[in-house]
C-alpha atoms as a PDB file:
ATOM      1  CA  UNK A   1     -85.921 -74.609  37.774  1.00  0.00           C
ATOM      2  CA  UNK A   2     -85.501 -73.201  41.372  1.00  0.00           C
ATOM      3  CA  UNK A   3     -85.724 -75.822  44.294  1.00  0.00           C
ATOM      4  CA  UNK A   4     -87.444 -74.414  47.300  1.00  0.00           C
ATOM      5  CA  UNK A   5     -87.513 -76.763  49.826  1.00  0.00           C
ATOM      6  CA  UNK A   6     -90.104 -76.006  53.438  1.00  0.00           C
ATOM      7  CA  UNK A   7     -88.027 -77.158  56.420  1.00  0.00           C
ATOM      8  CA  UNK A   8     -91.974 -77.930  59.323  1.00  0.00           C
ATOM      9  CA  UNK A   9     -93.008 -79.427  61.852  1.00  0.00           C
ATOM     10  CA  UNK A  10     -96.379 -80.186  62.873  1.00  0.00           C
ATOM     11  CA  UNK A  11     -98.559 -78.189  64.842  1.00  0.00           C
ATOM     12  CA  UNK A  12     -97.123 -75.380  63.541  1.00  0.00           C
ATOM     13  CA  UNK A  13     -98.707 -72.200  62.399  1.00  0.00           C
ATOM     14  CA  UNK A  14     -95.789 -70.363  61.383  1.00  0.00           C
ATOM     15  CA  UNK A  15     -95.260 -72.998  59.343  1.00  0.00           C
ATOM     16  CA  UNK A  16     -99.244 -73.432  57.491  1.00  0.00           C
ATOM     17  CA  UNK A  17     -98.256 -70.434  56.863  1.00  0.00           C
ATOM     18  CA  UNK A  18     -95.627 -70.006  55.353  1.00  0.00           C
ATOM     19  CA  UNK A  19     -96.669 -72.697  54.147  1.00  0.00           C
ATOM     20  CA  UNK A  20     -99.643 -70.510  51.906  1.00  0.00           C
ATOM     21  CA  UNK A  21     -97.287 -67.779  50.777  1.00  0.00           C
ATOM     22  CA  UNK A  22     -95.350 -70.295  49.349  1.00  0.00           C
ATOM     23  CA  UNK A  23     -97.859 -71.840  47.344  1.00  0.00           C
ATOM     24  CA  UNK A  24     -98.987 -67.477  46.635  1.00  0.00           C
ATOM     25  CA  UNK A  25     -94.965 -67.138  45.234  1.00  0.00           C
ATOM     26  CA  UNK A  26     -96.111 -70.310  43.471  1.00  0.00           C
ATOM     27  CA  UNK A  27     -98.724 -68.171  40.925  1.00  0.00           C
ATOM     28  CA  UNK A  28     -96.258 -65.741  39.253  1.00  0.00           C
ATOM     29  CA  UNK A  29     -92.918 -67.978  40.300  1.00  0.00           C
ATOM     30  CA  UNK A  30     -91.892 -70.739  38.287  1.00  0.00           C
ATOM     31  CA  UNK A  31     -90.514 -73.624  40.753  1.00  0.00           C
ATOM     32  CA  UNK A  32     -90.908 -76.387  43.169  1.00  0.00           C
ATOM     33  CA  UNK A  33     -92.003 -76.560  46.162  1.00  0.00           C
ATOM     34  CA  UNK A  34     -90.745 -79.942  48.523  1.00  0.00           C
ATOM     35  CA  UNK A  35     -91.635 -79.614  52.421  1.00  0.00           C
ATOM     36  CA  UNK A  36     -89.541 -81.422  54.841  1.00  0.00           C
ATOM     37  CA  UNK A  37     -91.591 -82.201  58.066  1.00  0.00           C
ATOM     38  CA  UNK A  38     -88.290 -81.262  60.586  1.00  0.00           C
ATOM     39  CA  UNK A  39     -89.581 -84.444  62.840  1.00  0.00           C
ATOM     40  CA  UNK A  40     -89.303 -87.221  60.461  1.00  0.00           C
ATOM     41  CA  UNK A  41     -84.744 -86.637  61.039  1.00  0.00           C
ATOM     42  CA  UNK A  42     -83.834 -86.588  64.579  1.00  0.00           C
ATOM     43  CA  UNK A  43     -81.144 -84.224  62.486  1.00  0.00           C
ATOM     44  CA  UNK A  44     -83.200 -81.955  61.396  1.00  0.00           C
ATOM     45  CA  UNK A  45     -84.925 -81.411  64.714  1.00  0.00           C
ATOM     46  CA  UNK A  46     -82.169 -80.584  65.602  1.00  0.00           C
ATOM     47  CA  UNK A  47     -81.005 -78.148  63.640  1.00  0.00           C
ATOM     48  CA  UNK A  48     -84.004 -76.589  62.571  1.00  0.00           C
ATOM     49  CA  UNK A  49     -86.098 -77.058  65.884  1.00  0.00           C
ATOM     50  CA  UNK A  50     -86.431 -73.906  67.529  1.00  0.00           C
ATOM     51  CA  UNK A  51     -85.953 -71.678  64.049  1.00  0.00           C
ATOM     52  CA  UNK A  52     -89.051 -73.172  61.664  1.00  0.00           C
ATOM     53  CA  UNK A  53     -90.270 -73.195  59.212  1.00  0.00           C
ATOM     54  CA  UNK A  54     -87.086 -72.708  57.558  1.00  0.00           C
ATOM     55  CA  UNK A  55     -86.329 -72.223  53.812  1.00  0.00           C
ATOM     56  CA  UNK A  56     -83.868 -72.924  51.366  1.00  0.00           C
ATOM     57  CA  UNK A  57     -83.682 -71.760  47.933  1.00  0.00           C
ATOM     58  CA  UNK A  58     -81.529 -74.341  46.021  1.00  0.00           C
ATOM     59  CA  UNK A  59     -80.550 -75.903  48.795  1.00  0.00           C
ATOM     60  CA  UNK A  60     -78.755 -71.946  50.280  1.00  0.00           C
ATOM     61  CA  UNK A  61     -81.383 -71.795  53.413  1.00  0.00           C
ATOM     62  CA  UNK A  62     -82.305 -67.647  52.767  1.00  0.00           C
ATOM     63  CA  UNK A  63     -85.317 -67.211  55.801  1.00  0.00           C
ATOM     64  CA  UNK A  64     -86.493 -68.564  58.997  1.00  0.00           C
ATOM     65  CA  UNK A  65     -89.901 -68.114  61.377  1.00  0.00           C
ATOM     66  CA  UNK A  66     -91.449 -65.805  59.694  1.00  0.00           C
ATOM     67  CA  UNK A  67     -91.791 -65.755  55.959  1.00  0.00           C
ATOM     68  CA  UNK A  68     -92.751 -63.144  54.210  1.00  0.00           C
ATOM     69  CA  UNK A  69     -93.062 -63.397  50.276  1.00  0.00           C
ATOM     70  CA  UNK A  70     -91.791 -60.135  49.070  1.00  0.00           C
ATOM     71  CA  UNK A  71     -88.259 -61.420  50.792  1.00  0.00           C
ATOM     72  CA  UNK A  72     -88.648 -64.959  49.337  1.00  0.00           C
ATOM     73  CA  UNK A  73     -89.611 -63.461  46.136  1.00  0.00           C
ATOM     74  CA  UNK A  74     -86.628 -60.410  45.919  1.00  0.00           C
ATOM     75  CA  UNK A  75     -84.305 -63.549  45.947  1.00  0.00           C
ATOM     76  CA  UNK A  76     -85.526 -65.609  43.353  1.00  0.00           C
ATOM     77  CA  UNK A  77     -85.021 -62.348  41.182  1.00  0.00           C
ATOM     78  CA  UNK A  78     -81.321 -62.935  42.181  1.00  0.00           C
ATOM     79  CA  UNK A  79     -81.149 -66.203  41.307  1.00  0.00           C
ATOM     80  CA  UNK A  80     -83.184 -65.324  38.188  1.00  0.00           C
ATOM     81  CA  UNK A  81     -80.216 -62.716  37.223  1.00  0.00           C
ATOM     82  CA  UNK A  82     -78.143 -64.780  37.397  1.00  0.00           C
ATOM     83  CA  UNK A  83     -78.520 -66.783  35.212  1.00  0.00           C
END
């Protein structure tokens, strides 16, 4: 099963919107969704501070900033085709 990791931070409107998009996508696709608050790690804050939200699919960065569920859906379709 694919794993999507959403890197977020508190009080981030784009992060909230990205989470809604991914939850809607979860109705169509079977994947595990994990949310990580970058403020819990200095390393993650330094890495993603200006980019959030950031989406990883199976450990690979596939989107950041304005998250579009259709783009993520296409990435999931590509992963499915690889199997």
